[in-house]
Amino acid sequence: MVPGLTDRKTLSRWTNDPRARESISELWRHDPNPAQTLLFQEDINDGIERGDVSVLNYHYYCCPWAPIYRVNRPILVGDRRLQPGQEFTYEASAEEVLETGRFVRKIVNGPFSTTSQIDYCNPGDFHDD
């Protein structure tokens, strides 16, 4: 799995799931700029260290199953300015690569709700999100 991108509390679940391992491989295989993908996560990690961001107790439903965060103090993640009280996650996805050529790297704003849905986000898979 992807330390930092994947919610640490769920790493063992995804590590033991063959489809999840395949999805992570596909994500990195199609990522045109892995350094940029990790740079966004570094912004978030720096915010956590400063106390600007808190990690909540649930994760996003799409590969790489990133944590959901809450903003405690204003923070800039990539080019997005986030404000206190906002919930967000970081989506990195190769799901649209075969259809559009686009690798997705974005901040997704909440609020979020719990779901039993899992999306492996493999390129070429049917998706309705």
Protein backbone atom coordinates (compact mmCIF):
# COMPACT_ATOMS: atom_id res chain seq x y z
CA MET A 1 0.00 0.00 0.00
CA VAL A 2 1.02 3.61 0.00
CA PRO A 3 2.24 4.81 3.39
CA GLY A 4 0.98 8.32 3.80
CA LEU A 5 -1.61 8.07 1.04
CA THR A 6 -3.40 5.07 2.55
CA ASP A 7 -5.05 5.40 5.96
CA ARG A 8 -2.61 3.73 8.37
CA LYS A 9 -5.42 2.16 10.39
CA THR A 10 -6.52 0.19 7.31
CA LEU A 11 -3.14 -0.77 5.81
CA SER A 12 -3.34 -4.43 6.80
CA ARG A 13 -6.79 -4.75 5.24
CA TRP A 14 -5.58 -3.50 1.86
CA THR A 15 -2.24 -5.32 2.05
CA ASN A 16 -4.14 -8.59 2.39
CA ASP A 17 -6.52 -7.81 -0.48
CA PRO A 18 -5.14 -8.91 -3.90
CA ARG A 19 -7.42 -6.48 -5.77
CA ALA A 20 -6.21 -3.62 -3.60
CA ARG A 21 -2.57 -4.51 -4.26
CA GLU A 22 -3.33 -4.58 -8.00
CA SER A 23 -5.06 -1.20 -7.76
CA ILE A 24 -2.08 0.39 -6.04
CA SER A 25 0.25 -1.03 -8.70
CA GLU A 26 -1.98 0.40 -11.43
CA LEU A 27 -2.11 3.77 -9.69
CA TRP A 28 1.69 4.07 -9.68
CA ARG A 29 2.08 2.57 -13.16
CA HIS A 30 -0.15 5.28 -14.64
CA ASP A 31 0.98 8.20 -12.46
CA PRO A 32 2.86 10.56 -14.80
CA ASN A 33 4.46 12.40 -11.88
CA PRO A 34 4.73 10.36 -8.65
CA ALA A 35 6.83 13.09 -7.04
CA GLN A 36 3.93 15.54 -7.45
CA THR A 37 1.52 13.00 -5.99
CA LEU A 38 3.70 12.63 -2.91
CA LEU A 39 4.27 16.40 -2.65
CA PHE A 40 0.56 16.98 -1.99
CA GLN A 41 0.72 14.37 0.77
CA GLU A 42 3.79 16.09 2.24
CA ASP A 43 1.76 19.31 2.55
CA ILE A 44 -0.86 17.37 4.51
CA ASN A 45 1.74 15.61 6.67
CA ASP A 46 3.42 18.93 7.47
CA GLY A 47 0.02 20.30 8.48
CA ILE A 48 -0.54 17.34 10.79
CA GLU A 49 2.84 17.90 12.44
CA ARG A 50 2.03 21.59 13.02
CA GLY A 51 -1.46 20.80 14.32
CA ASP A 52 -3.13 22.52 11.37
CA VAL A 53 -4.80 19.25 10.36
CA SER A 54 -6.22 16.28 12.31
CA VAL A 55 -6.70 12.76 11.01
CA LEU A 56 -10.26 11.53 11.56
CA ASN A 57 -11.22 7.93 12.28
CA TYR A 58 -12.37 6.95 8.81
CA HIS A 59 -11.08 6.82 5.25
CA TYR A 60 -12.14 7.57 1.70
CA TYR A 61 -13.82 4.71 -0.18
CA CYS A 62 -11.55 4.91 -3.26
CA CYS A 63 -8.07 3.53 -3.78
CA PRO A 64 -5.63 4.40 -2.20
CA TRP A 65 -8.12 4.71 0.71
CA ALA A 66 -6.76 7.96 2.10
CA PRO A 67 -7.65 9.22 5.56
CA ILE A 68 -10.31 11.85 6.05
CA TYR A 69 -8.85 14.99 7.62
CA ARG A 70 -10.24 18.00 9.49
CA VAL A 71 -8.66 21.43 9.17
CA ASN A 72 -7.83 23.06 12.52
CA ARG A 73 -6.07 26.17 11.17
CA PRO A 74 -5.91 27.62 7.65
CA ILE A 75 -3.61 25.58 5.44
CA LEU A 76 -2.47 25.45 1.84
CA VAL A 77 -2.39 21.97 0.28
CA GLY A 78 -1.00 22.14 -3.22
CA ASP A 79 -2.84 25.16 -4.58
CA ARG A 80 -5.95 24.74 -2.38
CA ARG A 81 -6.49 26.93 0.65
CA LEU A 82 -8.47 25.06 3.30
CA GLN A 83 -10.24 26.64 6.25
CA PRO A 84 -10.83 25.51 9.85
CA GLY A 85 -13.68 23.05 10.23
CA GLN A 86 -13.45 21.71 6.69
CA GLU A 87 -13.19 17.97 6.17
CA PHE A 88 -11.16 16.82 3.20
CA THR A 89 -9.28 13.92 1.71
CA TYR A 90 -6.64 13.60 -0.95
CA GLU A 91 -7.60 11.67 -4.06
CA ALA A 92 -4.92 10.25 -6.33
CA SER A 93 -6.45 8.07 -9.03
CA ALA A 94 -5.63 6.44 -12.36
CA GLU A 95 -9.27 5.46 -12.85
CA GLU A 96 -9.84 7.85 -15.79
CA VAL A 97 -6.49 7.35 -17.54
CA LEU A 98 -7.71 4.99 -20.27
CA GLU A 99 -10.83 7.06 -20.97
CA THR A 100 -9.45 10.59 -20.84
CA GLY A 101 -5.69 10.30 -20.38
CA ARG A 102 -6.12 12.18 -17.12
CA PHE A 103 -4.48 11.15 -13.85
CA VAL A 104 -6.45 12.65 -10.96
CA ARG A 105 -4.67 14.37 -8.12
CA LYS A 106 -7.03 16.55 -6.07
CA ILE A 107 -8.39 17.59 -2.72
CA VAL A 108 -11.96 16.38 -2.17
CA ASN A 109 -14.00 18.42 0.31
CA GLY A 110 -16.47 16.88 2.74
CA PRO A 111 -18.53 16.50 4.68
CA PHE A 112 -18.21 12.75 4.33
CA SER A 113 -20.48 9.96 5.51
CA THR A 114 -19.78 6.32 6.18
CA THR A 115 -20.36 3.75 3.45
CA SER A 116 -19.74 0.08 2.83
CA GLN A 117 -18.82 0.88 -0.79
CA ILE A 118 -15.27 0.12 -1.94
CA ASP A 119 -13.92 1.46 -5.22
CA TYR A 120 -10.67 -0.06 -6.44
CA CYS A 121 -10.43 2.68 -9.10
CA ASN A 122 -8.59 0.58 -11.68
CA PRO A 123 -8.23 2.08 -15.14
CA GLY A 124 -10.88 0.64 -17.42
CA ASP A 125 -13.16 -0.50 -14.60
CA PHE A 126 -16.76 0.66 -14.79
CA HIS A 127 -17.35 3.51 -12.41
CA ASP A 128 -20.37 5.65 -11.69
CA ASP A 129 -18.83 8.20 -9.35
